[in-house]
Amino acid sequence: VQLVESGGGLVQPGGSLRLSCAASGFTFSGYRMRWY
């Protein structure tokens, strides 16, 4: 199993970001996912 997050950074209050997590090594579509 590999999970690779990306998309973080420095942002001002009120701003937006989109985080991504690319998964491999398992049948992704069969599993619940979480962000912590």
PDB file of all heavy atoms in Angstrom:
ATOM      1  N   VAL A   1       0.836  -1.193   0.000  1.00  0.00           N
ATOM      2  CA  VAL A   1       0.000   0.000   0.000  1.00  0.00           C
ATOM      3  C   VAL A   1       0.874   1.247   0.000  1.00  0.00           C
ATOM      4  O   VAL A   1       1.816   1.365   0.779  1.00  0.00           O
ATOM      5  CB  VAL A   1      -0.928   0.006   1.230  1.00  0.00           C
ATOM      6  CG1 VAL A   1      -1.657   1.329   1.344  1.00  0.00           C
ATOM      7  CG2 VAL A   1      -1.912  -1.155   1.161  1.00  0.00           C
ATOM      8  N   GLN A   2       0.559   2.147  -0.914  1.00  0.00           N
ATOM      9  CA  GLN A   2       1.233   3.459  -0.937  1.00  0.00           C
ATOM     10  C   GLN A   2       0.190   4.549  -1.024  1.00  0.00           C
ATOM     11  O   GLN A   2      -0.752   4.461  -1.824  1.00  0.00           O
ATOM     12  CB  GLN A   2       2.190   3.554  -2.122  1.00  0.00           C
ATOM     13  CG  GLN A   2       3.526   2.884  -1.897  1.00  0.00           C
ATOM     14  CD  GLN A   2       4.576   3.365  -2.885  1.00  0.00           C
ATOM     15  OE1 GLN A   2       4.332   3.414  -4.074  1.00  0.00           O
ATOM     16  NE2 GLN A   2       5.744   3.719  -2.377  1.00  0.00           N
ATOM     17  N   LEU A   3       0.371   5.570  -0.210  1.00  0.00           N
ATOM     18  CA  LEU A   3      -0.483   6.749  -0.222  1.00  0.00           C
ATOM     19  C   LEU A   3       0.429   7.963  -0.295  1.00  0.00           C
ATOM     20  O   LEU A   3       1.305   8.124   0.554  1.00  0.00           O
ATOM     21  CB  LEU A   3      -1.332   6.806   1.047  1.00  0.00           C
ATOM     22  CG  LEU A   3      -2.271   5.629   1.292  1.00  0.00           C
ATOM     23  CD1 LEU A   3      -2.857   5.707   2.693  1.00  0.00           C
ATOM     24  CD2 LEU A   3      -3.392   5.618   0.257  1.00  0.00           C
ATOM     25  N   VAL A   4       0.231   8.787  -1.299  1.00  0.00           N
ATOM     26  CA  VAL A   4       1.097   9.948  -1.504  1.00  0.00           C
ATOM     27  C   VAL A   4       0.244  11.207  -1.544  1.00  0.00           C
ATOM     28  O   VAL A   4      -0.505  11.430  -2.504  1.00  0.00           O
ATOM     29  CB  VAL A   4       1.924   9.816  -2.788  1.00  0.00           C
ATOM     30  CG1 VAL A   4       2.816  11.040  -2.971  1.00  0.00           C
ATOM     31  CG2 VAL A   4       2.757   8.537  -2.776  1.00  0.00           C
ATOM     32  N   GLU A   5       0.382  12.015  -0.499  1.00  0.00           N
ATOM     33  CA  GLU A   5      -0.369  13.270  -0.428  1.00  0.00           C
ATOM     34  C   GLU A   5       0.390  14.380  -1.133  1.00  0.00           C
ATOM     35  O   GLU A   5       1.623  14.385  -1.170  1.00  0.00           O
ATOM     36  CB  GLU A   5      -0.610  13.685   1.027  1.00  0.00           C
ATOM     37  CG  GLU A   5      -1.392  12.700   1.862  1.00  0.00           C
ATOM     38  CD  GLU A   5      -0.498  11.776   2.670  1.00  0.00           C
ATOM     39  OE1 GLU A   5       0.669  11.583   2.277  1.00  0.00           O
ATOM     40  OE2 GLU A   5      -0.964  11.253   3.701  1.00  0.00           O
ATOM     41  N   SER A   6      -0.365  15.338  -1.651  1.00  0.00           N
ATOM     42  CA  SER A   6       0.221  16.521  -2.269  1.00  0.00           C
ATOM     43  C   SER A   6      -0.786  17.656  -2.199  1.00  0.00           C
ATOM     44  O   SER A   6      -1.954  17.440  -1.859  1.00  0.00           O
ATOM     45  CB  SER A   6       0.607  16.235  -3.728  1.00  0.00           C
ATOM     46  OG  SER A   6      -0.530  15.876  -4.485  1.00  0.00           O
ATOM     47  N   GLY A   7      -0.313  18.853  -2.511  1.00  0.00           N
ATOM     48  CA  GLY A   7      -1.206  19.997  -2.590  1.00  0.00           C
ATOM     49  C   GLY A   7      -1.139  20.952  -1.421  1.00  0.00           C
ATOM     50  O   GLY A   7      -1.798  21.994  -1.438  1.00  0.00           O
ATOM     51  N   GLY A   8      -0.369  20.605  -0.401  1.00  0.00           N
ATOM     52  CA  GLY A   8      -0.251  21.516   0.727  1.00  0.00           C
ATOM     53  C   GLY A   8       0.551  22.747   0.371  1.00  0.00           C
ATOM     54  O   GLY A   8       1.131  22.850  -0.717  1.00  0.00           O
ATOM     55  N   GLY A   9       0.580  23.682   1.300  1.00  0.00           N
ATOM     56  CA  GLY A   9       1.337  24.908   1.066  1.00  0.00           C
ATOM     57  C   GLY A   9       0.973  25.979   2.049  1.00  0.00           C
ATOM     58  O   GLY A   9       0.304  25.728   3.059  1.00  0.00           O
ATOM     59  N   LEU A  10       1.420  27.190   1.746  1.00  0.00           N
ATOM     60  CA  LEU A  10       1.150  28.361   2.570  1.00  0.00           C
ATOM     61  C   LEU A  10       0.008  29.146   1.937  1.00  0.00           C
ATOM     62  O   LEU A  10       0.052  29.451   0.732  1.00  0.00           O
ATOM     63  CB  LEU A  10       2.404  29.234   2.658  1.00  0.00           C
ATOM     64  CG  LEU A  10       2.280  30.576   3.358  1.00  0.00           C
ATOM     65  CD1 LEU A  10       1.929  30.386   4.830  1.00  0.00           C
ATOM     66  CD2 LEU A  10       3.569  31.370   3.212  1.00  0.00           C
ATOM     67  N   VAL A  11      -0.984  29.463   2.738  1.00  0.00           N
ATOM     68  CA  VAL A  11      -2.142  30.187   2.226  1.00  0.00           C
ATOM     69  C   VAL A  11      -2.600  31.198   3.280  1.00  0.00           C
ATOM     70  O   VAL A  11      -2.417  30.974   4.488  1.00  0.00           O
ATOM     71  CB  VAL A  11      -3.274  29.205   1.861  1.00  0.00           C
ATOM     72  CG1 VAL A  11      -3.760  28.439   3.079  1.00  0.00           C
ATOM     73  CG2 VAL A  11      -4.409  29.894   1.140  1.00  0.00           C
ATOM     74  N   GLN A  12      -3.165  32.291   2.835  1.00  0.00           N
ATOM     75  CA  GLN A  12      -3.670  33.304   3.760  1.00  0.00           C
ATOM     76  C   GLN A  12      -5.024  32.876   4.319  1.00  0.00           C
ATOM     77  O   GLN A  12      -5.748  32.098   3.686  1.00  0.00           O
ATOM     78  CB  GLN A  12      -3.806  34.640   3.043  1.00  0.00           C
ATOM     79  CG  GLN A  12      -2.485  35.264   2.656  1.00  0.00           C
ATOM     80  CD  GLN A  12      -2.654  36.652   2.083  1.00  0.00           C
ATOM     81  OE1 GLN A  12      -3.725  37.027   1.614  1.00  0.00           O
ATOM     82  NE2 GLN A  12      -1.588  37.436   2.106  1.00  0.00           N
ATOM     83  N   PRO A  13      -5.375  33.391   5.476  1.00  0.00           N
ATOM     84  CA  PRO A  13      -6.719  33.114   6.004  1.00  0.00           C
ATOM     85  C   PRO A  13      -7.788  33.490   4.984  1.00  0.00           C
ATOM     86  O   PRO A  13      -7.687  34.526   4.319  1.00  0.00           O
ATOM     87  CB  PRO A  13      -6.791  34.000   7.243  1.00  0.00           C
ATOM     88  CG  PRO A  13      -5.371  34.146   7.678  1.00  0.00           C
ATOM     89  CD  PRO A  13      -4.571  34.197   6.409  1.00  0.00           C
ATOM     90  N   GLY A  14      -8.781  32.617   4.861  1.00  0.00           N
ATOM     91  CA  GLY A  14      -9.828  32.822   3.860  1.00  0.00           C
ATOM     92  C   GLY A  14      -9.544  32.191   2.522  1.00  0.00           C
ATOM     93  O   GLY A  14     -10.422  32.130   1.664  1.00  0.00           O
ATOM     94  N   GLY A  15      -8.332  31.720   2.350  1.00  0.00           N
ATOM     95  CA  GLY A  15      -7.940  31.116   1.084  1.00  0.00           C
ATOM     96  C   GLY A  15      -8.378  29.669   0.960  1.00  0.00           C
ATOM     97  O   GLY A  15      -9.051  29.116   1.838  1.00  0.00           O
ATOM     98  N   SER A  16      -7.963  29.078  -0.156  1.00  0.00           N
ATOM     99  CA  SER A  16      -8.351  27.699  -0.468  1.00  0.00           C
ATOM    100  C   SER A  16      -7.143  26.880  -0.902  1.00  0.00           C
ATOM    101  O   SER A  16      -6.171  27.419  -1.453  1.00  0.00           O
ATOM    102  CB  SER A  16      -9.387  27.696  -1.601  1.00  0.00           C
ATOM    103  OG  SER A  16     -10.555  28.375  -1.232  1.00  0.00           O
ATOM    104  N   LEU A  17      -7.248  25.580  -0.667  1.00  0.00           N
ATOM    105  CA  LEU A  17      -6.280  24.616  -1.163  1.00  0.00           C
ATOM    106  C   LEU A  17      -7.024  23.332  -1.484  1.00  0.00           C
ATOM    107  O   LEU A  17      -8.047  23.034  -0.848  1.00  0.00           O
ATOM    108  CB  LEU A  17      -5.204  24.301  -0.121  1.00  0.00           C
ATOM    109  CG  LEU A  17      -4.063  25.284   0.110  1.00  0.00           C
ATOM    110  CD1 LEU A  17      -3.216  24.819   1.293  1.00  0.00           C
ATOM    111  CD2 LEU A  17      -3.212  25.456  -1.133  1.00  0.00           C
ATOM    112  N   ARG A  18      -6.484  22.561  -2.415  1.00  0.00           N
ATOM    113  CA  ARG A  18      -7.005  21.234  -2.662  1.00  0.00           C
ATOM    114  C   ARG A  18      -5.887  20.225  -2.463  1.00  0.00           C
ATOM    115  O   ARG A  18      -4.859  20.276  -3.152  1.00  0.00           O
ATOM    116  CB  ARG A  18      -7.582  21.076  -4.063  1.00  0.00           C
ATOM    117  CG  ARG A  18      -8.298  19.742  -4.234  1.00  0.00           C
ATOM    118  CD  ARG A  18      -8.973  19.561  -5.576  1.00  0.00           C
ATOM    119  NE  ARG A  18      -8.046  19.136  -6.612  1.00  0.00           N
ATOM    120  CZ  ARG A  18      -8.422  18.462  -7.700  1.00  0.00           C
ATOM    121  NH1 ARG A  18      -9.697  18.149  -7.877  1.00  0.00           N
ATOM    122  NH2 ARG A  18      -7.522  18.137  -8.606  1.00  0.00           N
ATOM    123  N   LEU A  19      -6.110  19.333  -1.521  1.00  0.00           N
ATOM    124  CA  LEU A  19      -5.164  18.257  -1.272  1.00  0.00           C
ATOM    125  C   LEU A  19      -5.555  17.038  -2.095  1.00  0.00           C
ATOM    126  O   LEU A  19      -6.733  16.773  -2.316  1.00  0.00           O
ATOM    127  CB  LEU A  19      -5.143  17.883   0.205  1.00  0.00           C
ATOM    128  CG  LEU A  19      -4.899  19.018   1.199  1.00  0.00           C
ATOM    129  CD1 LEU A  19      -4.825  18.456   2.616  1.00  0.00           C
ATOM    130  CD2 LEU A  19      -3.663  19.805   0.850  1.00  0.00           C
ATOM    131  N   SER A  20      -4.540  16.300  -2.515  1.00  0.00           N
ATOM    132  CA  SER A  20      -4.754  15.053  -3.238  1.00  0.00           C
ATOM    133  C   SER A  20      -4.006  13.930  -2.539  1.00  0.00           C
ATOM    134  O   SER A  20      -2.956  14.161  -1.927  1.00  0.00           O
ATOM    135  CB  SER A  20      -4.234  15.160  -4.679  1.00  0.00           C
ATOM    136  OG  SER A  20      -4.891  16.175  -5.391  1.00  0.00           O
ATOM    137  N   CYS A  21      -4.525  12.748  -2.661  1.00  0.00           N
ATOM    138  CA  CYS A  21      -3.862  11.556  -2.131  1.00  0.00           C
ATOM    139  C   CYS A  21      -3.961  10.471  -3.189  1.00  0.00           C
ATOM    140  O   CYS A  21      -5.056   9.961  -3.460  1.00  0.00           O
ATOM    141  CB  CYS A  21      -4.509  11.101  -0.838  1.00  0.00           C
ATOM    142  SG  CYS A  21      -3.896   9.508  -0.235  1.00  0.00           S
ATOM    143  N   ALA A  22      -2.818  10.159  -3.779  1.00  0.00           N
ATOM    144  CA  ALA A  22      -2.761   9.120  -4.806  1.00  0.00           C
ATOM    145  C   ALA A  22      -2.480   7.780  -4.146  1.00  0.00           C
ATOM    146  O   ALA A  22      -1.509   7.643  -3.399  1.00  0.00           O
ATOM    147  CB  ALA A  22      -1.674   9.445  -5.822  1.00  0.00           C
ATOM    148  N   ALA A  23      -3.322   6.809  -4.428  1.00  0.00           N
ATOM    149  CA  ALA A  23      -3.236   5.508  -3.771  1.00  0.00           C
ATOM    150  C   ALA A  23      -2.819   4.421  -4.749  1.00  0.00           C
ATOM    151  O   ALA A  23      -3.157   4.471  -5.932  1.00  0.00           O
ATOM    152  CB  ALA A  23      -4.585   5.150  -3.157  1.00  0.00           C
ATOM    153  N   SER A  24      -2.102   3.436  -4.234  1.00  0.00           N
ATOM    154  CA  SER A  24      -1.721   2.278  -5.038  1.00  0.00           C
ATOM    155  C   SER A  24      -1.481   1.086  -4.124  1.00  0.00           C
ATOM    156  O   SER A  24      -1.343   1.241  -2.908  1.00  0.00           O
ATOM    157  CB  SER A  24      -0.465   2.578  -5.866  1.00  0.00           C
ATOM    158  OG  SER A  24       0.631   2.885  -5.033  1.00  0.00           O
ATOM    159  N   GLY A  25      -1.456  -0.094  -4.718  1.00  0.00           N
ATOM    160  CA  GLY A  25      -1.158  -1.296  -3.948  1.00  0.00           C
ATOM    161  C   GLY A  25      -2.365  -1.991  -3.357  1.00  0.00           C
ATOM    162  O   GLY A  25      -2.211  -2.991  -2.651  1.00  0.00           O
ATOM    163  N   PHE A  26      -3.553  -1.478  -3.620  1.00  0.00           N
ATOM    164  CA  PHE A  26      -4.780  -2.112  -3.146  1.00  0.00           C
ATOM    165  C   PHE A  26      -5.914  -1.687  -4.070  1.00  0.00           C
ATOM    166  O   PHE A  26      -5.752  -0.789  -4.896  1.00  0.00           O
ATOM    167  CB  PHE A  26      -5.078  -1.744  -1.692  1.00  0.00           C
ATOM    168  CG  PHE A  26      -5.348  -0.284  -1.445  1.00  0.00           C
ATOM    169  CD1 PHE A  26      -6.638   0.176  -1.217  1.00  0.00           C
ATOM    170  CD2 PHE A  26      -4.311   0.646  -1.428  1.00  0.00           C
ATOM    171  CE1 PHE A  26      -6.887   1.522  -0.978  1.00  0.00           C
ATOM    172  CE2 PHE A  26      -4.550   1.989  -1.201  1.00  0.00           C
ATOM    173  CZ  PHE A  26      -5.845   2.433  -0.975  1.00  0.00           C
ATOM    174  N   THR A  27      -7.046  -2.343  -3.926  1.00  0.00           N
ATOM    175  CA  THR A  27      -8.198  -2.043  -4.782  1.00  0.00           C
ATOM    176  C   THR A  27      -8.914  -0.827  -4.226  1.00  0.00           C
ATOM    177  O   THR A  27      -9.844  -0.920  -3.415  1.00  0.00           O
ATOM    178  CB  THR A  27      -9.135  -3.249  -4.869  1.00  0.00           C
ATOM    179  OG1 THR A  27      -8.386  -4.397  -5.291  1.00  0.00           O
ATOM    180  CG2 THR A  27     -10.255  -2.975  -5.877  1.00  0.00           C
ATOM    181  N   PHE A  28      -8.476   0.319  -4.663  1.00  0.00           N
ATOM    182  CA  PHE A  28      -8.913   1.600  -4.108  1.00  0.00           C
ATOM    183  C   PHE A  28     -10.429   1.723  -4.043  1.00  0.00           C
ATOM    184  O   PHE A  28     -10.978   2.182  -3.028  1.00  0.00           O
ATOM    185  CB  PHE A  28      -8.324   2.727  -4.957  1.00  0.00           C
ATOM    186  CG  PHE A  28      -8.687   4.111  -4.508  1.00  0.00           C
ATOM    187  CD1 PHE A  28      -8.059   4.698  -3.422  1.00  0.00           C
ATOM    188  CD2 PHE A  28      -9.650   4.850  -5.196  1.00  0.00           C
ATOM    189  CE1 PHE A  28      -8.379   5.980  -3.013  1.00  0.00           C
ATOM    190  CE2 PHE A  28      -9.979   6.136  -4.804  1.00  0.00           C
ATOM    191  CZ  PHE A  28      -9.338   6.695  -3.704  1.00  0.00           C
ATOM    192  N   SER A  29     -11.104   1.313  -5.074  1.00  0.00           N
ATOM    193  CA  SER A  29     -12.554   1.519  -5.155  1.00  0.00           C
ATOM    194  C   SER A  29     -13.332   0.714  -4.130  1.00  0.00           C
ATOM    195  O   SER A  29     -14.527   0.941  -3.946  1.00  0.00           O
ATOM    196  CB  SER A  29     -13.042   1.172  -6.556  1.00  0.00           C
ATOM    197  OG  SER A  29     -12.755  -0.190  -6.859  1.00  0.00           O
ATOM    198  N   GLY A  30     -12.660  -0.192  -3.446  1.00  0.00           N
ATOM    199  CA  GLY A  30     -13.338  -1.018  -2.460  1.00  0.00           C
ATOM    200  C   GLY A  30     -13.191  -0.557  -1.028  1.00  0.00           C
ATOM    201  O   GLY A  30     -13.699  -1.205  -0.110  1.00  0.00           O
ATOM    202  N   TYR A  31     -12.523   0.570  -0.826  1.00  0.00           N
ATOM    203  CA  TYR A  31     -12.179   0.985   0.528  1.00  0.00           C
ATOM    204  C   TYR A  31     -12.639   2.402   0.874  1.00  0.00           C
ATOM    205  O   TYR A  31     -12.477   3.334   0.079  1.00  0.00           O
ATOM    206  CB  TYR A  31     -10.668   0.910   0.730  1.00  0.00           C
ATOM    207  CG  TYR A  31     -10.145  -0.491   0.829  1.00  0.00           C
ATOM    208  CD1 TYR A  31      -9.847  -1.212  -0.321  1.00  0.00           C
ATOM    209  CD2 TYR A  31      -9.954  -1.088   2.069  1.00  0.00           C
ATOM    210  CE1 TYR A  31      -9.373  -2.507  -0.234  1.00  0.00           C
ATOM    211  CE2 TYR A  31      -9.478  -2.385   2.160  1.00  0.00           C
ATOM    212  CZ  TYR A  31      -9.187  -3.094   1.009  1.00  0.00           C
ATOM    213  OH  TYR A  31      -8.715  -4.373   1.094  1.00  0.00           O
ATOM    214  N   ARG A  32     -13.162   2.516   2.084  1.00  0.00           N
ATOM    215  CA  ARG A  32     -13.391   3.834   2.681  1.00  0.00           C
ATOM    216  C   ARG A  32     -12.046   4.538   2.821  1.00  0.00           C
ATOM    217  O   ARG A  32     -11.028   3.911   3.099  1.00  0.00           O
ATOM    218  CB  ARG A  32     -14.028   3.636   4.057  1.00  0.00           C
ATOM    219  CG  ARG A  32     -14.315   4.887   4.847  1.00  0.00           C
ATOM    220  CD  ARG A  32     -14.824   4.506   6.234  1.00  0.00           C
ATOM    221  NE  ARG A  32     -16.117   3.825   6.152  1.00  0.00           N
ATOM    222  CZ  ARG A  32     -17.283   4.418   6.293  1.00  0.00           C
ATOM    223  NH1 ARG A  32     -17.330   5.731   6.513  1.00  0.00           N
ATOM    224  NH2 ARG A  32     -18.395   3.735   6.239  1.00  0.00           N
ATOM    225  N   MET A  33     -12.071   5.859   2.696  1.00  0.00           N
ATOM    226  CA  MET A  33     -10.857   6.664   2.833  1.00  0.00           C
ATOM    227  C   MET A  33     -11.099   7.800   3.819  1.00  0.00           C
ATOM    228  O   MET A  33     -12.229   8.279   3.975  1.00  0.00           O
ATOM    229  CB  MET A  33     -10.438   7.252   1.475  1.00  0.00           C
ATOM    230  CG  MET A  33     -10.047   6.226   0.429  1.00  0.00           C
ATOM    231  SD  MET A  33      -8.553   5.309   0.849  1.00  0.00           S
ATOM    232  CE  MET A  33      -7.318   6.608   0.851  1.00  0.00           C
ATOM    233  N   ARG A  34     -10.031   8.219   4.449  1.00  0.00           N
ATOM    234  CA  ARG A  34     -10.127   9.299   5.438  1.00  0.00           C
ATOM    235  C   ARG A  34      -8.986  10.295   5.282  1.00  0.00           C
ATOM    236  O   ARG A  34      -7.889   9.934   4.835  1.00  0.00           O
ATOM    237  CB  ARG A  34     -10.115   8.724   6.861  1.00  0.00           C
ATOM    238  CG  ARG A  34     -11.382   7.983   7.213  1.00  0.00           C
ATOM    239  CD  ARG A  34     -11.308   7.366   8.599  1.00  0.00           C
ATOM    240  NE  ARG A  34     -12.603   6.805   8.979  1.00  0.00           N
ATOM    241  CZ  ARG A  34     -12.806   6.021  10.017  1.00  0.00           C
ATOM    242  NH1 ARG A  34     -11.791   5.680  10.807  1.00  0.00           N
ATOM    243  NH2 ARG A  34     -14.008   5.566  10.279  1.00  0.00           N
ATOM    244  N   TRP A  35      -9.256  11.521   5.693  1.00  0.00           N
ATOM    245  CA  TRP A  35      -8.230  12.535   5.875  1.00  0.00           C
ATOM    246  C   TRP A  35      -8.145  12.827   7.367  1.00  0.00           C
ATOM    247  O   TRP A  35      -9.178  13.033   8.027  1.00  0.00           O
ATOM    248  CB  TRP A  35      -8.564  13.818   5.125  1.00  0.00           C
ATOM    249  CG  TRP A  35      -8.308  13.759   3.668  1.00  0.00           C
ATOM    250  CD1 TRP A  35      -9.225  13.521   2.669  1.00  0.00           C
ATOM    251  CD2 TRP A  35      -7.060  13.977   3.003  1.00  0.00           C
ATOM    252  NE1 TRP A  35      -8.617  13.565   1.443  1.00  0.00           N
ATOM    253  CE2 TRP A  35      -7.282  13.845   1.613  1.00  0.00           C
ATOM    254  CE3 TRP A  35      -5.769  14.267   3.442  1.00  0.00           C
ATOM    255  CZ2 TRP A  35      -6.262  13.998   0.669  1.00  0.00           C
ATOM    256  CZ3 TRP A  35      -4.757  14.409   2.507  1.00  0.00           C
ATOM    257  CH2 TRP A  35      -5.007  14.278   1.134  1.00  0.00           C
ATOM    258  N   TYR A  36      -6.926  12.867   7.862  1.00  0.00           N
ATOM    259  CA  TYR A  36      -6.627  13.268   9.225  1.00  0.00           C
ATOM    260  C   TYR A  36      -5.708  14.487   9.175  1.00  0.00           C
ATOM    261  O   TYR A  36      -5.088  14.776   8.154  1.00  0.00           O
ATOM    262  CB  TYR A  36      -5.892  12.156   9.974  1.00  0.00           C
ATOM    263  CG  TYR A  36      -6.727  10.995  10.433  1.00  0.00           C
ATOM    264  CD1 TYR A  36      -7.069   9.970   9.563  1.00  0.00           C
ATOM    265  CD2 TYR A  36      -7.153  10.906  11.762  1.00  0.00           C
ATOM    266  CE1 TYR A  36      -7.826   8.895   9.992  1.00  0.00           C
ATOM    267  CE2 TYR A  36      -7.902   9.828  12.203  1.00  0.00           C
ATOM    268  CZ  TYR A  36      -8.228   8.814  11.314  1.00  0.00           C
ATOM    269  OH  TYR A  36      -8.970   7.749  11.748  1.00  0.00           O
TER     270      TYR A  36
END
